[in-house]
Amino acid sequence: IKLSGTQYVEKGTTIDLNCTATDIDYRPKGVDWFKDGTRVKAGGRTLVTEYLVSETNVLHSRLEIERVGMEDAGTYVCRFSQHHVESMKVIVLN
């Protein structure tokens, strides 16, 4: 599993995180996103999109948060199973 995206983001812009799960031997059900231990839900300023490349069983998930505020800073986690977890700290610049 690999997590990439905007680690440093300016206030008022967009956080854009991408999670890719590869080399898996089963079809994943989906990705869960967390911020500081709390599940991130889509809606409002938050958009979660995902798609599965069935031929290769590669799952892509994208988390976007628009109009970022200081409260959006924190540790974001991408998880699609207990054993496939990756995290990234996002810092909001004022």
C-alpha atoms as a PDB file:
ATOM      1  CA  ILE A   1       0.000   0.000   0.000  1.00  0.00           C
ATOM      2  CA  LYS A   2       1.328   3.436  -0.884  1.00  0.00           C
ATOM      3  CA  LEU A   3       0.076   6.840   0.262  1.00  0.00           C
ATOM      4  CA  SER A   4       1.115  10.006  -1.535  1.00  0.00           C
ATOM      5  CA  GLY A   5      -0.091  13.565  -1.833  1.00  0.00           C
ATOM      6  CA  THR A   6       0.152  17.074  -0.467  1.00  0.00           C
ATOM      7  CA  GLN A   7       2.033  16.939   2.819  1.00  0.00           C
ATOM      8  CA  TYR A   8       2.282  20.721   3.142  1.00  0.00           C
ATOM      9  CA  VAL A   9      -0.799  22.659   2.084  1.00  0.00           C
ATOM     10  CA  GLU A  10      -1.682  26.336   2.300  1.00  0.00           C
ATOM     11  CA  LYS A  11      -4.821  27.423   4.121  1.00  0.00           C
ATOM     12  CA  GLY A  12      -7.702  27.825   1.672  1.00  0.00           C
ATOM     13  CA  THR A  13      -6.331  25.358  -0.894  1.00  0.00           C
ATOM     14  CA  THR A  14      -7.008  21.604  -1.299  1.00  0.00           C
ATOM     15  CA  ILE A  15      -5.543  18.549   0.411  1.00  0.00           C
ATOM     16  CA  ASP A  16      -5.159  15.795  -2.182  1.00  0.00           C
ATOM     17  CA  LEU A  17      -4.111  12.345  -0.900  1.00  0.00           C
ATOM     18  CA  ASN A  18      -3.853   9.214  -3.044  1.00  0.00           C
ATOM     19  CA  CYS A  19      -3.740   5.663  -1.724  1.00  0.00           C
ATOM     20  CA  THR A  20      -2.830   2.718  -3.942  1.00  0.00           C
ATOM     21  CA  ALA A  21      -3.057  -0.891  -2.798  1.00  0.00           C
ATOM     22  CA  THR A  22      -1.049  -3.291  -4.967  1.00  0.00           C
ATOM     23  CA  ASP A  23       0.205  -6.874  -4.831  1.00  0.00           C
ATOM     24  CA  ILE A  24      -2.863  -8.135  -3.018  1.00  0.00           C
ATOM     25  CA  ASP A  25      -4.157 -11.668  -3.366  1.00  0.00           C
ATOM     26  CA  TYR A  26      -7.843 -10.917  -2.855  1.00  0.00           C
ATOM     27  CA  ARG A  27     -10.340  -8.341  -4.053  1.00  0.00           C
ATOM     28  CA  PRO A  28     -10.460  -5.536  -1.466  1.00  0.00           C
ATOM     29  CA  LYS A  29     -13.842  -4.170  -0.424  1.00  0.00           C
ATOM     30  CA  GLY A  30     -12.680  -0.571  -0.235  1.00  0.00           C
ATOM     31  CA  VAL A  31     -10.490   1.901   1.561  1.00  0.00           C
ATOM     32  CA  ASP A  32     -11.160   3.569   4.895  1.00  0.00           C
ATOM     33  CA  TRP A  33      -9.710   7.018   5.546  1.00  0.00           C
ATOM     34  CA  PHE A  34      -9.001   8.377   9.027  1.00  0.00           C
ATOM     35  CA  LYS A  35      -7.751  11.683  10.408  1.00  0.00           C
ATOM     36  CA  ASP A  36      -6.177  11.573  13.860  1.00  0.00           C
ATOM     37  CA  GLY A  37      -7.931   8.261  14.549  1.00  0.00           C
ATOM     38  CA  THR A  38     -11.422   9.345  13.432  1.00  0.00           C
ATOM     39  CA  ARG A  39     -13.001   8.018  10.236  1.00  0.00           C
ATOM     40  CA  VAL A  40     -13.246  10.621   7.475  1.00  0.00           C
ATOM     41  CA  LYS A  41     -16.672  10.792   5.857  1.00  0.00           C
ATOM     42  CA  ALA A  42     -17.370  12.153   2.388  1.00  0.00           C
ATOM     43  CA  GLY A  43     -19.592  15.209   2.146  1.00  0.00           C
ATOM     44  CA  GLY A  44     -19.327  18.971   2.252  1.00  0.00           C
ATOM     45  CA  ARG A  45     -15.693  19.906   1.605  1.00  0.00           C
ATOM     46  CA  THR A  46     -14.584  16.247   1.566  1.00  0.00           C
ATOM     47  CA  LEU A  47     -14.612  14.011  -1.502  1.00  0.00           C
ATOM     48  CA  VAL A  48     -13.550  10.350  -1.549  1.00  0.00           C
ATOM     49  CA  THR A  49     -13.268   8.513  -4.861  1.00  0.00           C
ATOM     50  CA  GLU A  50     -11.987   5.025  -5.541  1.00  0.00           C
ATOM     51  CA  TYR A  51     -11.731   2.552  -8.354  1.00  0.00           C
ATOM     52  CA  LEU A  52     -10.456  -0.985  -8.759  1.00  0.00           C
ATOM     53  CA  VAL A  53      -8.436  -2.212 -11.729  1.00  0.00           C
ATOM     54  CA  SER A  54      -9.888  -5.717 -11.757  1.00  0.00           C
ATOM     55  CA  GLU A  55      -7.295  -7.265 -14.082  1.00  0.00           C
ATOM     56  CA  THR A  56      -4.506  -6.502 -11.617  1.00  0.00           C
ATOM     57  CA  ASN A  57      -6.472  -6.162  -8.338  1.00  0.00           C
ATOM     58  CA  VAL A  58      -5.005  -2.696  -7.795  1.00  0.00           C
ATOM     59  CA  LEU A  59      -7.219  -0.408  -5.738  1.00  0.00           C
ATOM     60  CA  HIS A  60      -6.890   3.375  -6.020  1.00  0.00           C
ATOM     61  CA  SER A  61      -8.516   5.745  -3.536  1.00  0.00           C
ATOM     62  CA  ARG A  62      -8.332   9.532  -3.440  1.00  0.00           C
ATOM     63  CA  LEU A  63      -9.189  11.866  -0.565  1.00  0.00           C
ATOM     64  CA  GLU A  64      -9.713  15.548  -1.353  1.00  0.00           C
ATOM     65  CA  ILE A  65     -10.526  18.233   1.195  1.00  0.00           C
ATOM     66  CA  GLU A  66     -11.319  21.657  -0.247  1.00  0.00           C
ATOM     67  CA  ARG A  67     -10.928  25.095   1.357  1.00  0.00           C
ATOM     68  CA  VAL A  68      -8.512  23.737   3.951  1.00  0.00           C
ATOM     69  CA  GLY A  69      -8.442  25.311   7.403  1.00  0.00           C
ATOM     70  CA  MET A  70      -5.967  24.935  10.251  1.00  0.00           C
ATOM     71  CA  GLU A  71      -8.258  22.269  11.772  1.00  0.00           C
ATOM     72  CA  ASP A  72      -7.563  20.012   8.780  1.00  0.00           C
ATOM     73  CA  ALA A  73      -3.920  19.524   9.788  1.00  0.00           C
ATOM     74  CA  GLY A  74      -3.140  16.127  11.285  1.00  0.00           C
ATOM     75  CA  THR A  75      -2.241  12.532  10.574  1.00  0.00           C
ATOM     76  CA  TYR A  76      -4.228  10.934   7.762  1.00  0.00           C
ATOM     77  CA  VAL A  77      -4.444   7.153   7.460  1.00  0.00           C
ATOM     78  CA  CYS A  78      -5.398   5.047   4.466  1.00  0.00           C
ATOM     79  CA  ARG A  79      -6.489   1.501   5.409  1.00  0.00           C
ATOM     80  CA  PHE A  80      -7.971  -1.333   3.418  1.00  0.00           C
ATOM     81  CA  SER A  81      -7.297  -4.118   5.922  1.00  0.00           C
ATOM     82  CA  GLN A  82      -5.733  -4.495   9.349  1.00  0.00           C
ATOM     83  CA  HIS A  83      -2.420  -5.367   7.740  1.00  0.00           C
ATOM     84  CA  HIS A  84      -2.462  -2.773   4.967  1.00  0.00           C
ATOM     85  CA  VAL A  85      -2.233   0.671   6.557  1.00  0.00           C
ATOM     86  CA  GLU A  86      -0.255   3.758   5.617  1.00  0.00           C
ATOM     87  CA  SER A  87      -0.191   7.209   7.212  1.00  0.00           C
ATOM     88  CA  MET A  88       0.927  10.718   6.332  1.00  0.00           C
ATOM     89  CA  LYS A  89       1.129  13.858   8.419  1.00  0.00           C
ATOM     90  CA  VAL A  90      -0.420  16.885   6.707  1.00  0.00           C
ATOM     91  CA  ILE A  91       0.680  20.351   7.786  1.00  0.00           C
ATOM     92  CA  VAL A  92      -1.453  23.408   6.976  1.00  0.00           C
ATOM     93  CA  LEU A  93       0.492  26.610   6.363  1.00  0.00           C
ATOM     94  CA  ASN A  94      -1.195  29.844   7.408  1.00  0.00           C
END
